[in-house]
All heavy atoms as atom14 arrays in JSON, in Angstrom:
{
  "sequence": "ALVADARDIAAAHPEQARILIRLAGGRIEGEEVTEAARQGDEASLAA",
  "atom14_mask": [
    [1, 1, 1, 1, 1, 0, 0, 0, 0, 0, 0, 0, 0, 0],
    [1, 1, 1, 1, 1, 1, 1, 1, 0, 0, 0, 0, 0, 0],
    [1, 1, 1, 1, 1, 1, 1, 0, 0, 0, 0, 0, 0, 0],
    [1, 1, 1, 1, 1, 0, 0, 0, 0, 0, 0, 0, 0, 0],
    [1, 1, 1, 1, 1, 1, 1, 1, 0, 0, 0, 0, 0, 0],
    [1, 1, 1, 1, 1, 0, 0, 0, 0, 0, 0, 0, 0, 0],
    [1, 1, 1, 1, 1, 1, 1, 1, 1, 1, 1, 0, 0, 0],
    [1, 1, 1, 1, 1, 1, 1, 1, 0, 0, 0, 0, 0, 0],
    [1, 1, 1, 1, 1, 1, 1, 1, 0, 0, 0, 0, 0, 0],
    [1, 1, 1, 1, 1, 0, 0, 0, 0, 0, 0, 0, 0, 0],
    [1, 1, 1, 1, 1, 0, 0, 0, 0, 0, 0, 0, 0, 0],
    [1, 1, 1, 1, 1, 0, 0, 0, 0, 0, 0, 0, 0, 0],
    [1, 1, 1, 1, 1, 1, 1, 1, 1, 1, 0, 0, 0, 0],
    [1, 1, 1, 1, 1, 1, 1, 0, 0, 0, 0, 0, 0, 0],
    [1, 1, 1, 1, 1, 1, 1, 1, 1, 0, 0, 0, 0, 0],
    [1, 1, 1, 1, 1, 1, 1, 1, 1, 0, 0, 0, 0, 0],
    [1, 1, 1, 1, 1, 0, 0, 0, 0, 0, 0, 0, 0, 0],
    [1, 1, 1, 1, 1, 1, 1, 1, 1, 1, 1, 0, 0, 0],
    [1, 1, 1, 1, 1, 1, 1, 1, 0, 0, 0, 0, 0, 0],
    [1, 1, 1, 1, 1, 1, 1, 1, 0, 0, 0, 0, 0, 0],
    [1, 1, 1, 1, 1, 1, 1, 1, 0, 0, 0, 0, 0, 0],
    [1, 1, 1, 1, 1, 1, 1, 1, 1, 1, 1, 0, 0, 0],
    [1, 1, 1, 1, 1, 1, 1, 1, 0, 0, 0, 0, 0, 0],
    [1, 1, 1, 1, 1, 0, 0, 0, 0, 0, 0, 0, 0, 0],
    [1, 1, 1, 1, 0, 0, 0, 0, 0, 0, 0, 0, 0, 0],
    [1, 1, 1, 1, 0, 0, 0, 0, 0, 0, 0, 0, 0, 0],
    [1, 1, 1, 1, 1, 1, 1, 1, 1, 1, 1, 0, 0, 0],
    [1, 1, 1, 1, 1, 1, 1, 1, 0, 0, 0, 0, 0, 0],
    [1, 1, 1, 1, 1, 1, 1, 1, 1, 0, 0, 0, 0, 0],
    [1, 1, 1, 1, 0, 0, 0, 0, 0, 0, 0, 0, 0, 0],
    [1, 1, 1, 1, 1, 1, 1, 1, 1, 0, 0, 0, 0, 0],
    [1, 1, 1, 1, 1, 1, 1, 1, 1, 0, 0, 0, 0, 0],
    [1, 1, 1, 1, 1, 1, 1, 0, 0, 0, 0, 0, 0, 0],
    [1, 1, 1, 1, 1, 1, 1, 0, 0, 0, 0, 0, 0, 0],
    [1, 1, 1, 1, 1, 1, 1, 1, 1, 0, 0, 0, 0, 0],
    [1, 1, 1, 1, 1, 0, 0, 0, 0, 0, 0, 0, 0, 0],
    [1, 1, 1, 1, 1, 0, 0, 0, 0, 0, 0, 0, 0, 0],
    [1, 1, 1, 1, 1, 1, 1, 1, 1, 1, 1, 0, 0, 0],
    [1, 1, 1, 1, 1, 1, 1, 1, 1, 0, 0, 0, 0, 0],
    [1, 1, 1, 1, 0, 0, 0, 0, 0, 0, 0, 0, 0, 0],
    [1, 1, 1, 1, 1, 1, 1, 1, 0, 0, 0, 0, 0, 0],
    [1, 1, 1, 1, 1, 1, 1, 1, 1, 0, 0, 0, 0, 0],
    [1, 1, 1, 1, 1, 0, 0, 0, 0, 0, 0, 0, 0, 0],
    [1, 1, 1, 1, 1, 1, 0, 0, 0, 0, 0, 0, 0, 0],
    [1, 1, 1, 1, 1, 1, 1, 1, 0, 0, 0, 0, 0, 0],
    [1, 1, 1, 1, 1, 0, 0, 0, 0, 0, 0, 0, 0, 0],
    [1, 1, 1, 1, 1, 0, 0, 0, 0, 0, 0, 0, 0, 0]
  ],
  "atom14_positions": [
    [[-11.46, -2.86, -6.1], [-10.78, -3.9, -5.33], [-9.61, -3.3, -4.55], [-9.37, -3.66, -3.38], [-10.27, -5.0, -6.26], [0.0, 0.0, 0.0], [0.0, 0.0, 0.0], [0.0, 0.0, 0.0], [0.0, 0.0, 0.0], [0.0, 0.0, 0.0], [0.0, 0.0, 0.0], [0.0, 0.0, 0.0], [0.0, 0.0, 0.0], [0.0, 0.0, 0.0]],
    [[-8.88, -2.39, -5.18], [-7.75, -1.75, -4.52], [-8.22, -1.04, -3.25], [-7.6, -1.18, -2.18], [-7.1, -0.74, -5.47], [-5.95, 0.08, -4.89], [-4.72, -0.8, -4.67], [-5.62, 1.26, -5.82], [0.0, 0.0, 0.0], [0.0, 0.0, 0.0], [0.0, 0.0, 0.0], [0.0, 0.0, 0.0], [0.0, 0.0, 0.0], [0.0, 0.0, 0.0]],
    [[-9.3, -0.29, -3.36], [-9.82, 0.44, -2.19], [-10.32, -0.52, -1.13], [-10.06, -0.34, 0.08], [-10.93, 1.41, -2.64], [-11.62, 2.03, -1.42], [-10.35, 2.5, -3.53], [0.0, 0.0, 0.0], [0.0, 0.0, 0.0], [0.0, 0.0, 0.0], [0.0, 0.0, 0.0], [0.0, 0.0, 0.0], [0.0, 0.0, 0.0], [0.0, 0.0, 0.0]],
    [[-11.04, -1.57, -1.55], [-11.55, -2.54, -0.59], [-10.41, -3.22, 0.17], [-10.48, -3.38, 1.4], [-12.4, -3.59, -1.31], [0.0, 0.0, 0.0], [0.0, 0.0, 0.0], [0.0, 0.0, 0.0], [0.0, 0.0, 0.0], [0.0, 0.0, 0.0], [0.0, 0.0, 0.0], [0.0, 0.0, 0.0], [0.0, 0.0, 0.0], [0.0, 0.0, 0.0]],
    [[-9.36, -3.59, -0.55], [-8.22, -4.23, 0.1], [-7.53, -3.28, 1.06], [-7.16, -3.66, 2.18], [-7.22, -4.72, -0.95], [-7.71, -5.96, -1.68], [-8.56, -6.67, -1.14], [-7.22, -6.21, -2.8], [0.0, 0.0, 0.0], [0.0, 0.0, 0.0], [0.0, 0.0, 0.0], [0.0, 0.0, 0.0], [0.0, 0.0, 0.0], [0.0, 0.0, 0.0]],
    [[-7.34, -2.04, 0.63], [-6.67, -1.06, 1.5], [-7.47, -0.82, 2.77], [-6.91, -0.73, 3.87], [-6.45, 0.24, 0.74], [0.0, 0.0, 0.0], [0.0, 0.0, 0.0], [0.0, 0.0, 0.0], [0.0, 0.0, 0.0], [0.0, 0.0, 0.0], [0.0, 0.0, 0.0], [0.0, 0.0, 0.0], [0.0, 0.0, 0.0], [0.0, 0.0, 0.0]],
    [[-8.79, -0.71, 2.65], [-9.63, -0.51, 3.83], [-9.55, -1.71, 4.78], [-9.46, -1.54, 6.0], [-11.08, -0.27, 3.41], [-11.32, 1.09, 2.75], [-12.74, 1.2, 2.23], [-12.99, 2.49, 1.61], [-14.09, 2.79, 0.93], [-15.04, 1.88, 0.78], [-14.24, 4.0, 0.39], [0.0, 0.0, 0.0], [0.0, 0.0, 0.0], [0.0, 0.0, 0.0]],
    [[-9.57, -2.91, 4.2], [-9.5, -4.12, 5.03], [-8.18, -4.18, 5.8], [-8.15, -4.47, 7.0], [-9.65, -5.36, 4.16], [-11.07, -5.56, 3.66], [-11.99, -4.89, 4.18], [-11.26, -6.4, 2.75], [0.0, 0.0, 0.0], [0.0, 0.0, 0.0], [0.0, 0.0, 0.0], [0.0, 0.0, 0.0], [0.0, 0.0, 0.0], [0.0, 0.0, 0.0]],
    [[-7.09, -3.91, 5.09], [-5.77, -4.0, 5.72], [-5.61, -2.91, 6.78], [-5.1, -3.15, 7.87], [-4.65, -3.9, 4.66], [-4.74, -5.07, 3.69], [-3.28, -3.88, 5.32], [-3.87, -4.91, 2.44], [0.0, 0.0, 0.0], [0.0, 0.0, 0.0], [0.0, 0.0, 0.0], [0.0, 0.0, 0.0], [0.0, 0.0, 0.0], [0.0, 0.0, 0.0]],
    [[-6.09, -1.71, 6.47], [-5.99, -0.61, 7.43], [-6.8, -0.88, 8.69], [-6.38, -0.53, 9.8], [-6.45, 0.69, 6.77], [0.0, 0.0, 0.0], [0.0, 0.0, 0.0], [0.0, 0.0, 0.0], [0.0, 0.0, 0.0], [0.0, 0.0, 0.0], [0.0, 0.0, 0.0], [0.0, 0.0, 0.0], [0.0, 0.0, 0.0], [0.0, 0.0, 0.0]],
    [[-7.97, -1.5, 8.5], [-8.8, -1.81, 9.66], [-8.16, -2.89, 10.54], [-8.22, -2.82, 11.78], [-10.18, -2.27, 9.2], [0.0, 0.0, 0.0], [0.0, 0.0, 0.0], [0.0, 0.0, 0.0], [0.0, 0.0, 0.0], [0.0, 0.0, 0.0], [0.0, 0.0, 0.0], [0.0, 0.0, 0.0], [0.0, 0.0, 0.0], [0.0, 0.0, 0.0]],
    [[-7.55, -3.88, 9.89], [-6.96, -4.98, 10.64], [-5.6, -4.62, 11.23], [-5.22, -5.11, 12.3], [-6.84, -6.21, 9.74], [0.0, 0.0, 0.0], [0.0, 0.0, 0.0], [0.0, 0.0, 0.0], [0.0, 0.0, 0.0], [0.0, 0.0, 0.0], [0.0, 0.0, 0.0], [0.0, 0.0, 0.0], [0.0, 0.0, 0.0], [0.0, 0.0, 0.0]],
    [[-4.84, -3.78, 10.51], [-3.48, -3.44, 10.92], [-3.24, -1.93, 10.76], [-2.51, -1.51, 9.87], [-2.46, -4.22, 10.08], [-2.65, -5.71, 10.11], [-2.29, -6.46, 11.21], [-3.18, -6.55, 9.19], [-2.57, -7.74, 10.95], [-3.11, -7.82, 9.74], [0.0, 0.0, 0.0], [0.0, 0.0, 0.0], [0.0, 0.0, 0.0], [0.0, 0.0, 0.0]],
    [[-3.88, -1.12, 11.59], [-3.74, 0.34, 11.43], [-2.3, 0.82, 11.56], [-1.95, 1.86, 10.97], [-4.61, 0.9, 12.57], [-4.8, -0.24, 13.52], [-4.76, -1.48, 12.71], [0.0, 0.0, 0.0], [0.0, 0.0, 0.0], [0.0, 0.0, 0.0], [0.0, 0.0, 0.0], [0.0, 0.0, 0.0], [0.0, 0.0, 0.0], [0.0, 0.0, 0.0]],
    [[-1.46, 0.08, 12.25], [-0.05, 0.48, 12.37], [0.67, 0.42, 11.03], [1.69, 1.08, 10.82], [0.66, -0.4, 13.41], [0.97, -1.83, 12.97], [-0.24, -2.77, 13.02], [-1.33, -2.3, 13.44], [-0.09, -3.94, 12.65], [0.0, 0.0, 0.0], [0.0, 0.0, 0.0], [0.0, 0.0, 0.0], [0.0, 0.0, 0.0], [0.0, 0.0, 0.0]],
    [[0.13, -0.36, 10.08], [0.72, -0.45, 8.74], [0.16, 0.6, 7.78], [0.63, 0.7, 6.65], [0.48, -1.85, 8.15], [1.12, -2.98, 8.92], [0.79, -4.34, 8.31], [0.33, -4.43, 7.17], [1.05, -5.4, 9.06], [0.0, 0.0, 0.0], [0.0, 0.0, 0.0], [0.0, 0.0, 0.0], [0.0, 0.0, 0.0], [0.0, 0.0, 0.0]],
    [[-0.83, 1.34, 8.25], [-1.54, 2.26, 7.37], [-1.5, 3.7, 7.88], [-2.4, 4.49, 7.59], [-2.99, 1.81, 7.21], [0.0, 0.0, 0.0], [0.0, 0.0, 0.0], [0.0, 0.0, 0.0], [0.0, 0.0, 0.0], [0.0, 0.0, 0.0], [0.0, 0.0, 0.0], [0.0, 0.0, 0.0], [0.0, 0.0, 0.0], [0.0, 0.0, 0.0]],
    [[-0.45, 4.04, 8.62], [-0.41, 5.39, 9.21], [-0.46, 6.49, 8.15], [-1.16, 7.49, 8.3], [0.86, 5.52, 10.07], [0.86, 4.65, 11.32], [2.02, 5.0, 12.23], [2.06, 4.12, 13.41], [2.79, 3.02, 13.49], [3.55, 2.66, 12.46], [2.77, 2.28, 14.59], [0.0, 0.0, 0.0], [0.0, 0.0, 0.0], [0.0, 0.0, 0.0]],
    [[0.31, 6.32, 7.1], [0.33, 7.34, 6.04], [-1.03, 7.42, 5.37], [-1.58, 8.51, 5.14], [1.44, 7.04, 5.01], [2.81, 7.07, 5.68], [1.39, 8.03, 3.85], [3.95, 6.61, 4.78], [0.0, 0.0, 0.0], [0.0, 0.0, 0.0], [0.0, 0.0, 0.0], [0.0, 0.0, 0.0], [0.0, 0.0, 0.0], [0.0, 0.0, 0.0]],
    [[-1.58, 6.26, 5.04], [-2.89, 6.22, 4.38], [-3.96, 6.86, 5.24], [-4.76, 7.67, 4.75], [-3.25, 4.77, 4.06], [-4.62, 4.54, 3.44], [-4.77, 5.3, 2.13], [-4.87, 3.05, 3.23], [0.0, 0.0, 0.0], [0.0, 0.0, 0.0], [0.0, 0.0, 0.0], [0.0, 0.0, 0.0], [0.0, 0.0, 0.0], [0.0, 0.0, 0.0]],
    [[-4.0, 6.52, 6.5], [-5.02, 7.07, 7.4], [-4.88, 8.58, 7.52], [-5.88, 9.32, 7.52], [-4.94, 6.39, 8.78], [-5.36, 4.9, 8.66], [-5.8, 7.11, 9.8], [-5.05, 4.07, 9.86], [0.0, 0.0, 0.0], [0.0, 0.0, 0.0], [0.0, 0.0, 0.0], [0.0, 0.0, 0.0], [0.0, 0.0, 0.0], [0.0, 0.0, 0.0]],
    [[-3.64, 9.06, 7.59], [-3.42, 10.51, 7.66], [-3.9, 11.2, 6.39], [-4.57, 12.25, 6.45], [-1.94, 10.8, 7.9], [-1.57, 12.28, 7.84], [-0.14, 12.53, 8.24], [0.8, 11.73, 7.47], [1.21, 12.05, 6.23], [0.73, 13.13, 5.63], [2.1, 11.3, 5.61], [0.0, 0.0, 0.0], [0.0, 0.0, 0.0], [0.0, 0.0, 0.0]],
    [[-3.58, 10.64, 5.23], [-3.97, 11.26, 3.96], [-5.48, 11.19, 3.74], [-6.08, 12.12, 3.2], [-3.26, 10.56, 2.79], [-1.76, 10.79, 2.65], [-1.19, 9.92, 1.53], [-1.46, 12.26, 2.35], [0.0, 0.0, 0.0], [0.0, 0.0, 0.0], [0.0, 0.0, 0.0], [0.0, 0.0, 0.0], [0.0, 0.0, 0.0], [0.0, 0.0, 0.0]],
    [[-6.08, 10.07, 4.14], [-7.5, 9.86, 3.86], [-8.4, 10.71, 4.75], [-9.5, 11.09, 4.34], [-7.84, 8.39, 4.03], [0.0, 0.0, 0.0], [0.0, 0.0, 0.0], [0.0, 0.0, 0.0], [0.0, 0.0, 0.0], [0.0, 0.0, 0.0], [0.0, 0.0, 0.0], [0.0, 0.0, 0.0], [0.0, 0.0, 0.0], [0.0, 0.0, 0.0]],
    [[-7.96, 10.99, 5.96], [-8.77, 11.81, 6.86], [-10.12, 11.21, 7.18], [-11.11, 11.94, 7.29], [0.0, 0.0, 0.0], [0.0, 0.0, 0.0], [0.0, 0.0, 0.0], [0.0, 0.0, 0.0], [0.0, 0.0, 0.0], [0.0, 0.0, 0.0], [0.0, 0.0, 0.0], [0.0, 0.0, 0.0], [0.0, 0.0, 0.0], [0.0, 0.0, 0.0]],
    [[-10.19, 9.89, 7.26], [-11.44, 9.25, 7.66], [-12.11, 8.42, 6.58], [-12.88, 7.51, 6.89], [0.0, 0.0, 0.0], [0.0, 0.0, 0.0], [0.0, 0.0, 0.0], [0.0, 0.0, 0.0], [0.0, 0.0, 0.0], [0.0, 0.0, 0.0], [0.0, 0.0, 0.0], [0.0, 0.0, 0.0], [0.0, 0.0, 0.0], [0.0, 0.0, 0.0]],
    [[-11.86, 8.71, 5.29], [-12.5, 7.94, 4.2], [-11.44, 7.59, 3.17], [-10.92, 8.46, 2.47], [-13.61, 8.74, 3.55], [-14.22, 8.0, 2.36], [-15.59, 7.51, 2.68], [-16.19, 6.8, 1.56], [-16.77, 5.63, 1.67], [-16.79, 5.02, 2.84], [-17.34, 5.04, 0.65], [0.0, 0.0, 0.0], [0.0, 0.0, 0.0], [0.0, 0.0, 0.0]],
    [[-11.12, 6.32, 3.07], [-10.08, 5.85, 2.15], [-10.65, 5.68, 0.75], [-11.65, 4.98, 0.55], [-9.48, 4.51, 2.64], [-8.77, 4.72, 3.98], [-8.55, 3.91, 1.6], [-8.32, 3.43, 4.64], [0.0, 0.0, 0.0], [0.0, 0.0, 0.0], [0.0, 0.0, 0.0], [0.0, 0.0, 0.0], [0.0, 0.0, 0.0], [0.0, 0.0, 0.0]],
    [[-10.04, 6.34, -0.22], [-10.41, 6.22, -1.64], [-9.15, 5.94, -2.46], [-8.04, 5.97, -1.94], [-11.12, 7.47, -2.13], [-12.41, 7.81, -1.39], [-13.53, 6.79, -1.62], [-13.37, 5.92, -2.5], [-14.55, 6.87, -0.92], [0.0, 0.0, 0.0], [0.0, 0.0, 0.0], [0.0, 0.0, 0.0], [0.0, 0.0, 0.0], [0.0, 0.0, 0.0]],
    [[-9.35, 5.69, -3.75], [-8.24, 5.28, -4.61], [-7.11, 6.27, -4.69], [-5.92, 5.89, -4.7], [0.0, 0.0, 0.0], [0.0, 0.0, 0.0], [0.0, 0.0, 0.0], [0.0, 0.0, 0.0], [0.0, 0.0, 0.0], [0.0, 0.0, 0.0], [0.0, 0.0, 0.0], [0.0, 0.0, 0.0], [0.0, 0.0, 0.0], [0.0, 0.0, 0.0]],
    [[-7.43, 7.55, -4.77], [-6.39, 8.57, -4.88], [-5.47, 8.56, -3.66], [-4.25, 8.67, -3.78], [-7.04, 9.95, -5.05], [-6.06, 11.07, -5.31], [-6.74, 12.39, -5.57], [-7.95, 12.39, -5.91], [-6.08, 13.43, -5.43], [0.0, 0.0, 0.0], [0.0, 0.0, 0.0], [0.0, 0.0, 0.0], [0.0, 0.0, 0.0], [0.0, 0.0, 0.0]],
    [[-6.07, 8.41, -2.48], [-5.27, 8.38, -1.25], [-4.41, 7.11, -1.17], [-3.27, 7.15, -0.7], [-6.18, 8.47, -0.02], [-6.81, 9.83, 0.2], [-8.02, 10.06, -0.69], [-8.57, 9.08, -1.22], [-8.39, 11.24, -0.87], [0.0, 0.0, 0.0], [0.0, 0.0, 0.0], [0.0, 0.0, 0.0], [0.0, 0.0, 0.0], [0.0, 0.0, 0.0]],
    [[-4.97, 5.99, -1.63], [-4.2, 4.74, -1.62], [-2.98, 4.85, -2.52], [-1.87, 4.45, -2.15], [-5.07, 3.54, -2.06], [-4.25, 2.25, -2.08], [-6.27, 3.37, -1.13], [0.0, 0.0, 0.0], [0.0, 0.0, 0.0], [0.0, 0.0, 0.0], [0.0, 0.0, 0.0], [0.0, 0.0, 0.0], [0.0, 0.0, 0.0], [0.0, 0.0, 0.0]],
    [[-3.16, 5.44, -3.69], [-2.05, 5.61, -4.63], [-0.98, 6.53, -4.05], [0.22, 6.2, -4.08], [-2.56, 6.18, -5.96], [-3.5, 5.26, -6.53], [-1.41, 6.37, -6.94], [0.0, 0.0, 0.0], [0.0, 0.0, 0.0], [0.0, 0.0, 0.0], [0.0, 0.0, 0.0], [0.0, 0.0, 0.0], [0.0, 0.0, 0.0], [0.0, 0.0, 0.0]],
    [[-1.4, 7.67, -3.51], [-0.43, 8.61, -2.95], [0.28, 8.0, -1.74], [1.51, 8.15, -1.58], [-1.13, 9.9, -2.54], [-0.21, 10.96, -1.93], [0.97, 11.33, -2.82], [0.81, 11.31, -4.06], [2.05, 11.62, -2.27], [0.0, 0.0, 0.0], [0.0, 0.0, 0.0], [0.0, 0.0, 0.0], [0.0, 0.0, 0.0], [0.0, 0.0, 0.0]],
    [[-0.46, 7.3, -0.89], [0.16, 6.68, 0.28], [1.16, 5.6, -0.14], [2.24, 5.48, 0.45], [-0.92, 6.06, 1.17], [0.0, 0.0, 0.0], [0.0, 0.0, 0.0], [0.0, 0.0, 0.0], [0.0, 0.0, 0.0], [0.0, 0.0, 0.0], [0.0, 0.0, 0.0], [0.0, 0.0, 0.0], [0.0, 0.0, 0.0], [0.0, 0.0, 0.0]],
    [[0.82, 4.83, -1.17], [1.75, 3.81, -1.65], [3.04, 4.44, -2.15], [4.14, 3.93, -1.9], [1.09, 3.0, -2.76], [0.0, 0.0, 0.0], [0.0, 0.0, 0.0], [0.0, 0.0, 0.0], [0.0, 0.0, 0.0], [0.0, 0.0, 0.0], [0.0, 0.0, 0.0], [0.0, 0.0, 0.0], [0.0, 0.0, 0.0], [0.0, 0.0, 0.0]],
    [[2.92, 5.57, -2.83], [4.12, 6.25, -3.33], [4.97, 6.81, -2.2], [6.16, 7.05, -2.37], [3.72, 7.35, -4.31], [3.13, 6.8, -5.61], [3.32, 7.76, -6.77], [3.1, 7.07, -8.02], [2.0, 7.22, -8.79], [1.05, 8.04, -8.41], [1.89, 6.54, -9.92], [0.0, 0.0, 0.0], [0.0, 0.0, 0.0], [0.0, 0.0, 0.0]],
    [[4.35, 7.01, -1.03], [5.08, 7.48, 0.15], [5.56, 6.32, 1.02], [6.07, 6.53, 2.11], [4.22, 8.44, 0.95], [3.91, 9.75, 0.24], [3.16, 10.73, 1.12], [3.32, 10.73, 2.35], [2.35, 11.59, 0.51], [0.0, 0.0, 0.0], [0.0, 0.0, 0.0], [0.0, 0.0, 0.0], [0.0, 0.0, 0.0], [0.0, 0.0, 0.0]],
    [[5.35, 5.08, 0.54], [5.86, 3.92, 1.25], [4.93, 3.31, 2.27], [5.36, 2.48, 3.08], [0.0, 0.0, 0.0], [0.0, 0.0, 0.0], [0.0, 0.0, 0.0], [0.0, 0.0, 0.0], [0.0, 0.0, 0.0], [0.0, 0.0, 0.0], [0.0, 0.0, 0.0], [0.0, 0.0, 0.0], [0.0, 0.0, 0.0], [0.0, 0.0, 0.0]],
    [[3.65, 3.66, 2.25], [2.69, 3.11, 3.2], [2.54, 1.6, 3.01], [2.24, 1.13, 1.91], [1.33, 3.79, 3.0], [0.29, 3.33, 3.99], [0.34, 3.78, 5.15], [-0.57, 2.51, 3.59], [0.0, 0.0, 0.0], [0.0, 0.0, 0.0], [0.0, 0.0, 0.0], [0.0, 0.0, 0.0], [0.0, 0.0, 0.0], [0.0, 0.0, 0.0]],
    [[2.74, 0.83, 4.06], [2.75, -0.63, 3.95], [1.39, -1.19, 3.52], [1.32, -2.09, 2.67], [3.15, -1.26, 5.28], [4.58, -1.03, 5.69], [4.88, -1.7, 7.02], [4.7, -2.94, 7.11], [5.27, -1.0, 7.97], [0.0, 0.0, 0.0], [0.0, 0.0, 0.0], [0.0, 0.0, 0.0], [0.0, 0.0, 0.0], [0.0, 0.0, 0.0]],
    [[0.33, -0.69, 4.09], [-0.99, -1.19, 3.76], [-1.34, -0.92, 2.3], [-1.9, -1.78, 1.6], [-2.04, -0.56, 4.68], [0.0, 0.0, 0.0], [0.0, 0.0, 0.0], [0.0, 0.0, 0.0], [0.0, 0.0, 0.0], [0.0, 0.0, 0.0], [0.0, 0.0, 0.0], [0.0, 0.0, 0.0], [0.0, 0.0, 0.0], [0.0, 0.0, 0.0]],
    [[-1.02, 0.27, 1.83], [-1.33, 0.63, 0.44], [-0.51, -0.2, -0.55], [-1.02, -0.66, -1.58], [-1.07, 2.12, 0.23], [-1.87, 2.89, 1.1], [0.0, 0.0, 0.0], [0.0, 0.0, 0.0], [0.0, 0.0, 0.0], [0.0, 0.0, 0.0], [0.0, 0.0, 0.0], [0.0, 0.0, 0.0], [0.0, 0.0, 0.0], [0.0, 0.0, 0.0]],
    [[0.76, -0.4, -0.24], [1.59, -1.23, -1.09], [1.09, -2.67, -1.11], [1.1, -3.34, -2.15], [3.04, -1.18, -0.62], [3.77, 0.15, -0.86], [5.09, 0.18, -0.11], [3.99, 0.37, -2.36], [0.0, 0.0, 0.0], [0.0, 0.0, 0.0], [0.0, 0.0, 0.0], [0.0, 0.0, 0.0], [0.0, 0.0, 0.0], [0.0, 0.0, 0.0]],
    [[0.63, -3.15, 0.03], [0.08, -4.51, 0.09], [-1.2, -4.62, -0.73], [-1.45, -5.65, -1.39], [-0.18, -4.9, 1.54], [0.0, 0.0, 0.0], [0.0, 0.0, 0.0], [0.0, 0.0, 0.0], [0.0, 0.0, 0.0], [0.0, 0.0, 0.0], [0.0, 0.0, 0.0], [0.0, 0.0, 0.0], [0.0, 0.0, 0.0], [0.0, 0.0, 0.0]],
    [[-2.02, -3.56, -0.72], [-3.25, -3.57, -1.53], [-2.92, -3.62, -3.02], [-3.55, -4.37, -3.79], [-4.1, -2.34, -1.2], [0.0, 0.0, 0.0], [0.0, 0.0, 0.0], [0.0, 0.0, 0.0], [0.0, 0.0, 0.0], [0.0, 0.0, 0.0], [0.0, 0.0, 0.0], [0.0, 0.0, 0.0], [0.0, 0.0, 0.0], [0.0, 0.0, 0.0]]
  ]
}
């Protein structure tokens, strides 16, 4: 669910997911969502 939510938010609001998109390099998974959230990524924190 965490990954699904992060992907949905990133797709709808990529400006909120800059850190996540950079870390994921094209495929968002749980590890990237966690690391991005710890770096303050808005989309990941929202997920």
